[in-house]
């Protein structure tokens, strides 16, 4: 799902390439089960496993 995307004319070729790629399986988000208080979570309490991405061949220009 893509929400609130701002795609301008200069982005079209890159977006077409990105949308044509085969997506990887979703990564797994793991939270430390020892943390029982929401406000006690730290960056070390969270792990993103099996995150894969396609290389980006060129930078996407910012539209101003």
PDB file of N, CA and C in Angstrom:
ATOM      1  N   UNK A   1       0.836  -1.155   0.000  1.00  0.00           N
ATOM      2  CA  UNK A   1       0.000   0.000   0.000  1.00  0.00           C
ATOM      3  C   UNK A   1       0.894   1.235   0.000  1.00  0.00           C
ATOM      4  N   UNK A   2       0.529   2.183  -0.804  1.00  0.00           N
ATOM      5  CA  UNK A   2       1.231   3.463  -0.843  1.00  0.00           C
ATOM      6  C   UNK A   2       0.230   4.527  -0.425  1.00  0.00           C
ATOM      7  N   UNK A   3       0.576   5.285   0.583  1.00  0.00           N
ATOM      8  CA  UNK A   3      -0.327   6.331   1.068  1.00  0.00           C
ATOM      9  C   UNK A   3       0.388   7.679   1.011  1.00  0.00           C
ATOM     10  N   UNK A   4      -0.323   8.684   0.584  1.00  0.00           N
ATOM     11  CA  UNK A   4       0.177  10.054   0.568  1.00  0.00           C
ATOM     12  C   UNK A   4       1.457  10.187  -0.264  1.00  0.00           C
ATOM     13  N   UNK A   5       1.478   9.537  -1.416  1.00  0.00           N
ATOM     14  CA  UNK A   5       2.644   9.613  -2.295  1.00  0.00           C
ATOM     15  C   UNK A   5       2.570  10.874  -3.148  1.00  0.00           C
ATOM     16  N   UNK A   6       3.692  11.532  -3.283  1.00  0.00           N
ATOM     17  CA  UNK A   6       3.790  12.718  -4.134  1.00  0.00           C
ATOM     18  C   UNK A   6       4.709  12.349  -5.290  1.00  0.00           C
ATOM     19  N   UNK A   7       4.125  11.972  -6.407  1.00  0.00           N
ATOM     20  CA  UNK A   7       4.889  11.544  -7.573  1.00  0.00           C
ATOM     21  C   UNK A   7       4.728  12.597  -8.661  1.00  0.00           C
ATOM     22  N   UNK A   8       5.847  13.168  -9.074  1.00  0.00           N
ATOM     23  CA  UNK A   8       5.829  14.210 -10.088  1.00  0.00           C
ATOM     24  C   UNK A   8       6.443  13.669 -11.380  1.00  0.00           C
ATOM     25  N   UNK A   9       6.333  14.449 -12.454  1.00  0.00           N
ATOM     26  CA  UNK A   9       6.762  13.984 -13.776  1.00  0.00           C
ATOM     27  C   UNK A   9       8.186  13.442 -13.791  1.00  0.00           C
ATOM     28  N   UNK A  10       9.088  14.072 -13.081  1.00  0.00           N
ATOM     29  CA  UNK A  10      10.484  13.606 -13.079  1.00  0.00           C
ATOM     30  C   UNK A  10      10.667  12.284 -12.338  1.00  0.00           C
ATOM     31  N   UNK A  11       9.657  11.878 -11.555  1.00  0.00           N
ATOM     32  CA  UNK A  11       9.733  10.632 -10.795  1.00  0.00           C
ATOM     33  C   UNK A  11       9.185   9.420 -11.546  1.00  0.00           C
ATOM     34  N   UNK A  12       8.411   9.646 -12.588  1.00  0.00           N
ATOM     35  CA  UNK A  12       7.676   8.554 -13.246  1.00  0.00           C
ATOM     36  C   UNK A  12       8.578   7.394 -13.678  1.00  0.00           C
ATOM     37  N   UNK A  13       9.689   7.607 -14.383  1.00  0.00           N
ATOM     38  CA  UNK A  13      10.510   6.452 -14.781  1.00  0.00           C
ATOM     39  C   UNK A  13      11.028   5.644 -13.581  1.00  0.00           C
ATOM     40  N   UNK A  14      11.444   6.332 -12.534  1.00  0.00           N
ATOM     41  CA  UNK A  14      11.944   5.630 -11.350  1.00  0.00           C
ATOM     42  C   UNK A  14      10.832   4.874 -10.635  1.00  0.00           C
ATOM     43  N   UNK A  15       9.673   5.488 -10.533  1.00  0.00           N
ATOM     44  CA  UNK A  15       8.543   4.834  -9.867  1.00  0.00           C
ATOM     45  C   UNK A  15       8.105   3.603 -10.657  1.00  0.00           C
ATOM     46  N   UNK A  16       8.088   3.709 -11.973  1.00  0.00           N
ATOM     47  CA  UNK A  16       7.726   2.544 -12.790  1.00  0.00           C
ATOM     48  C   UNK A  16       8.703   1.392 -12.552  1.00  0.00           C
ATOM     49  N   UNK A  17       9.985   1.716 -12.457  1.00  0.00           N
ATOM     50  CA  UNK A  17      10.979   0.679 -12.181  1.00  0.00           C
ATOM     51  C   UNK A  17      10.751   0.064 -10.796  1.00  0.00           C
ATOM     52  N   UNK A  18      10.529   0.902  -9.796  1.00  0.00           N
ATOM     53  CA  UNK A  18      10.319   0.398  -8.431  1.00  0.00           C
ATOM     54  C   UNK A  18       9.079  -0.482  -8.342  1.00  0.00           C
ATOM     55  N   UNK A  19       8.007  -0.066  -8.992  1.00  0.00           N
ATOM     56  CA  UNK A  19       6.765  -0.842  -8.937  1.00  0.00           C
ATOM     57  C   UNK A  19       6.865  -2.148  -9.719  1.00  0.00           C
ATOM     58  N   UNK A  20       7.802  -2.227 -10.657  1.00  0.00           N
ATOM     59  CA  UNK A  20       7.968  -3.435 -11.446  1.00  0.00           C
ATOM     60  C   UNK A  20       8.817  -4.506 -10.769  1.00  0.00           C
ATOM     61  N   UNK A  21       9.390  -4.182  -9.635  1.00  0.00           N
ATOM     62  CA  UNK A  21      10.237  -5.143  -8.927  1.00  0.00           C
ATOM     63  C   UNK A  21       9.396  -6.160  -8.168  1.00  0.00           C
ATOM     64  N   UNK A  22       9.939  -7.357  -8.056  1.00  0.00           N
ATOM     65  CA  UNK A  22       9.275  -8.391  -7.267  1.00  0.00           C
ATOM     66  C   UNK A  22       9.521  -8.091  -5.792  1.00  0.00           C
ATOM     67  N   UNK A  23       8.467  -7.946  -5.002  1.00  0.00           N
ATOM     68  CA  UNK A  23       8.683  -7.613  -3.588  1.00  0.00           C
ATOM     69  C   UNK A  23       9.283  -8.784  -2.814  1.00  0.00           C
ATOM     70  N   UNK A  24      10.062  -8.457  -1.822  1.00  0.00           N
ATOM     71  CA  UNK A  24      10.612  -9.460  -0.918  1.00  0.00           C
ATOM     72  C   UNK A  24       9.573  -9.776   0.155  1.00  0.00           C
ATOM     73  N   UNK A  25       9.710 -10.935   0.799  1.00  0.00           N
ATOM     74  CA  UNK A  25       8.806 -11.215   1.922  1.00  0.00           C
ATOM     75  C   UNK A  25       8.971 -10.149   3.008  1.00  0.00           C
ATOM     76  N   UNK A  26       7.906  -9.902   3.733  1.00  0.00           N
ATOM     77  CA  UNK A  26       7.944  -8.889   4.792  1.00  0.00           C
ATOM     78  C   UNK A  26       8.916  -9.314   5.893  1.00  0.00           C
ATOM     79  N   UNK A  27       9.637  -8.358   6.462  1.00  0.00           N
ATOM     80  CA  UNK A  27      10.526  -8.691   7.574  1.00  0.00           C
ATOM     81  C   UNK A  27       9.709  -8.981   8.839  1.00  0.00           C
ATOM     82  N   UNK A  28      10.386  -9.502   9.836  1.00  0.00           N
ATOM     83  CA  UNK A  28       9.728  -9.807  11.113  1.00  0.00           C
ATOM     84  C   UNK A  28      10.186  -8.779  12.141  1.00  0.00           C
ATOM     85  N   UNK A  29       9.238  -8.200  12.838  1.00  0.00           N
ATOM     86  CA  UNK A  29       9.527  -7.247  13.904  1.00  0.00           C
ATOM     87  C   UNK A  29       9.447  -7.992  15.227  1.00  0.00           C
ATOM     88  N   UNK A  30      10.530  -7.995  15.964  1.00  0.00           N
ATOM     89  CA  UNK A  30      10.560  -8.686  17.259  1.00  0.00           C
ATOM     90  C   UNK A  30      10.755  -7.665  18.374  1.00  0.00           C
ATOM     91  N   UNK A  31       9.937  -7.806  19.393  1.00  0.00           N
ATOM     92  CA  UNK A  31      10.050  -6.973  20.585  1.00  0.00           C
ATOM     93  C   UNK A  31      10.573  -7.835  21.723  1.00  0.00           C
ATOM     94  N   UNK A  32      11.413  -7.278  22.539  1.00  0.00           N
ATOM     95  CA  UNK A  32      11.977  -7.996  23.679  1.00  0.00           C
ATOM     96  C   UNK A  32      10.851  -8.360  24.646  1.00  0.00           C
ATOM     97  N   UNK A  33      10.575  -9.655  24.842  1.00  0.00           N
ATOM     98  CA  UNK A  33       9.476 -10.048  25.721  1.00  0.00           C
ATOM     99  C   UNK A  33       9.739  -9.736  27.190  1.00  0.00           C
ATOM    100  N   UNK A  34      10.991  -9.435  27.547  1.00  0.00           N
ATOM    101  CA  UNK A  34      11.302  -9.095  28.935  1.00  0.00           C
ATOM    102  C   UNK A  34      10.816  -7.694  29.294  1.00  0.00           C
ATOM    103  N   UNK A  35      10.561  -6.874  28.294  1.00  0.00           N
ATOM    104  CA  UNK A  35      10.084  -5.506  28.548  1.00  0.00           C
ATOM    105  C   UNK A  35       8.571  -5.562  28.726  1.00  0.00           C
ATOM    106  N   UNK A  36       8.110  -5.215  29.910  1.00  0.00           N
ATOM    107  CA  UNK A  36       6.674  -5.291  30.209  1.00  0.00           C
ATOM    108  C   UNK A  36       6.027  -3.918  30.324  1.00  0.00           C
ATOM    109  N   UNK A  37       6.833  -2.876  30.335  1.00  0.00           N
ATOM    110  CA  UNK A  37       6.311  -1.509  30.408  1.00  0.00           C
ATOM    111  C   UNK A  37       6.587  -0.831  29.061  1.00  0.00           C
ATOM    112  N   UNK A  38       5.535  -0.352  28.411  1.00  0.00           N
ATOM    113  CA  UNK A  38       5.674   0.276  27.096  1.00  0.00           C
ATOM    114  C   UNK A  38       6.751   1.361  27.102  1.00  0.00           C
ATOM    115  N   UNK A  39       6.811   2.153  28.147  1.00  0.00           N
ATOM    116  CA  UNK A  39       7.744   3.274  28.209  1.00  0.00           C
ATOM    117  C   UNK A  39       9.176   2.838  28.520  1.00  0.00           C
ATOM    118  N   UNK A  40       9.377   1.559  28.759  1.00  0.00           N
ATOM    119  CA  UNK A  40      10.720   1.040  29.023  1.00  0.00           C
ATOM    120  C   UNK A  40      11.400   0.540  27.752  1.00  0.00           C
ATOM    121  N   UNK A  41      10.681   0.525  26.637  1.00  0.00           N
ATOM    122  CA  UNK A  41      11.299   0.095  25.384  1.00  0.00           C
ATOM    123  C   UNK A  41      12.408   1.055  24.986  1.00  0.00           C
ATOM    124  N   UNK A  42      13.478   0.486  24.459  1.00  0.00           N
ATOM    125  CA  UNK A  42      14.602   1.261  23.936  1.00  0.00           C
ATOM    126  C   UNK A  42      14.885   0.735  22.524  1.00  0.00           C
ATOM    127  N   UNK A  43      15.737   1.390  21.773  1.00  0.00           N
ATOM    128  CA  UNK A  43      16.077   0.846  20.455  1.00  0.00           C
ATOM    129  C   UNK A  43      16.618  -0.585  20.531  1.00  0.00           C
ATOM    130  N   UNK A  44      17.287  -0.924  21.624  1.00  0.00           N
ATOM    131  CA  UNK A  44      17.811  -2.284  21.773  1.00  0.00           C
ATOM    132  C   UNK A  44      16.715  -3.305  22.052  1.00  0.00           C
ATOM    133  N   UNK A  45      15.513  -2.860  22.376  1.00  0.00           N
ATOM    134  CA  UNK A  45      14.389  -3.758  22.657  1.00  0.00           C
ATOM    135  C   UNK A  45      13.697  -4.220  21.381  1.00  0.00           C
ATOM    136  N   UNK A  46      14.099  -3.668  20.257  1.00  0.00           N
ATOM    137  CA  UNK A  46      13.413  -3.932  18.991  1.00  0.00           C
ATOM    138  C   UNK A  46      14.414  -4.495  17.981  1.00  0.00           C
ATOM    139  N   UNK A  47      13.988  -5.520  17.255  1.00  0.00           N
ATOM    140  CA  UNK A  47      14.822  -6.084  16.193  1.00  0.00           C
ATOM    141  C   UNK A  47      13.980  -6.240  14.931  1.00  0.00           C
ATOM    142  N   UNK A  48      14.551  -5.899  13.814  1.00  0.00           N
ATOM    143  CA  UNK A  48      13.915  -6.116  12.522  1.00  0.00           C
ATOM    144  C   UNK A  48      14.711  -7.217  11.831  1.00  0.00           C
ATOM    145  N   UNK A  49      14.087  -8.386  11.672  1.00  0.00           N
ATOM    146  CA  UNK A  49      14.789  -9.550  11.140  1.00  0.00           C
ATOM    147  C   UNK A  49      14.428  -9.790   9.678  1.00  0.00           C
ATOM    148  N   UNK A  50      15.412 -10.227   8.936  1.00  0.00           N
ATOM    149  CA  UNK A  50      15.239 -10.596   7.526  1.00  0.00           C
ATOM    150  C   UNK A  50      14.739  -9.441   6.663  1.00  0.00           C
ATOM    151  N   UNK A  51      15.201  -8.234   6.959  1.00  0.00           N
ATOM    152  CA  UNK A  51      14.840  -7.079   6.134  1.00  0.00           C
ATOM    153  C   UNK A  51      15.713  -7.094   4.883  1.00  0.00           C
ATOM    154  N   UNK A  52      15.078  -7.142   3.733  1.00  0.00           N
ATOM    155  CA  UNK A  52      15.785  -7.124   2.457  1.00  0.00           C
ATOM    156  C   UNK A  52      15.254  -5.965   1.619  1.00  0.00           C
ATOM    157  N   UNK A  53      16.113  -5.423   0.800  1.00  0.00           N
ATOM    158  CA  UNK A  53      15.701  -4.323  -0.070  1.00  0.00           C
ATOM    159  C   UNK A  53      16.446  -4.430  -1.396  1.00  0.00           C
ATOM    160  N   UNK A  54      15.847  -3.860  -2.404  1.00  0.00           N
ATOM    161  CA  UNK A  54      16.487  -3.793  -3.714  1.00  0.00           C
ATOM    162  C   UNK A  54      17.423  -2.584  -3.719  1.00  0.00           C
ATOM    163  N   UNK A  55      18.542  -2.684  -4.404  1.00  0.00           N
ATOM    164  CA  UNK A  55      19.425  -1.521  -4.485  1.00  0.00           C
ATOM    165  C   UNK A  55      18.761  -0.406  -5.293  1.00  0.00           C
ATOM    166  N   UNK A  56      19.060   0.804  -4.935  1.00  0.00           N
ATOM    167  CA  UNK A  56      18.536   1.968  -5.644  1.00  0.00           C
ATOM    168  C   UNK A  56      19.620   2.434  -6.610  1.00  0.00           C
ATOM    169  N   UNK A  57      19.324   2.393  -7.900  1.00  0.00           N
ATOM    170  CA  UNK A  57      20.331   2.700  -8.920  1.00  0.00           C
ATOM    171  C   UNK A  57      20.673   4.183  -8.989  1.00  0.00           C
ATOM    172  N   UNK A  58      19.716   5.017  -8.649  1.00  0.00           N
ATOM    173  CA  UNK A  58      19.977   6.456  -8.653  1.00  0.00           C
ATOM    174  C   UNK A  58      19.106   7.115  -7.597  1.00  0.00           C
ATOM    175  N   UNK A  59      19.526   8.281  -7.170  1.00  0.00           N
ATOM    176  CA  UNK A  59      18.758   9.003  -6.164  1.00  0.00           C
ATOM    177  C   UNK A  59      17.482   9.553  -6.785  1.00  0.00           C
ATOM    178  N   UNK A  60      16.434   9.579  -5.997  1.00  0.00           N
ATOM    179  CA  UNK A  60      15.163  10.130  -6.459  1.00  0.00           C
ATOM    180  C   UNK A  60      15.190  11.630  -6.181  1.00  0.00           C
ATOM    181  N   UNK A  61      15.039  12.447  -7.211  1.00  0.00           N
ATOM    182  CA  UNK A  61      15.125  13.893  -6.999  1.00  0.00           C
ATOM    183  C   UNK A  61      13.960  14.416  -6.161  1.00  0.00           C
ATOM    184  N   UNK A  62      14.264  15.392  -5.348  1.00  0.00           N
ATOM    185  CA  UNK A  62      13.242  16.042  -4.531  1.00  0.00           C
ATOM    186  C   UNK A  62      12.564  17.103  -5.385  1.00  0.00           C
ATOM    187  N   UNK A  63      11.244  17.139  -5.330  1.00  0.00           N
ATOM    188  CA  UNK A  63      10.502  18.163  -6.071  1.00  0.00           C
ATOM    189  C   UNK A  63      10.296  19.364  -5.157  1.00  0.00           C
ATOM    190  N   UNK A  64      10.675  20.516  -5.647  1.00  0.00           N
ATOM    191  CA  UNK A  64      10.532  21.738  -4.846  1.00  0.00           C
ATOM    192  C   UNK A  64       9.556  22.661  -5.530  1.00  0.00           C
TER     193      UNK A  64
END
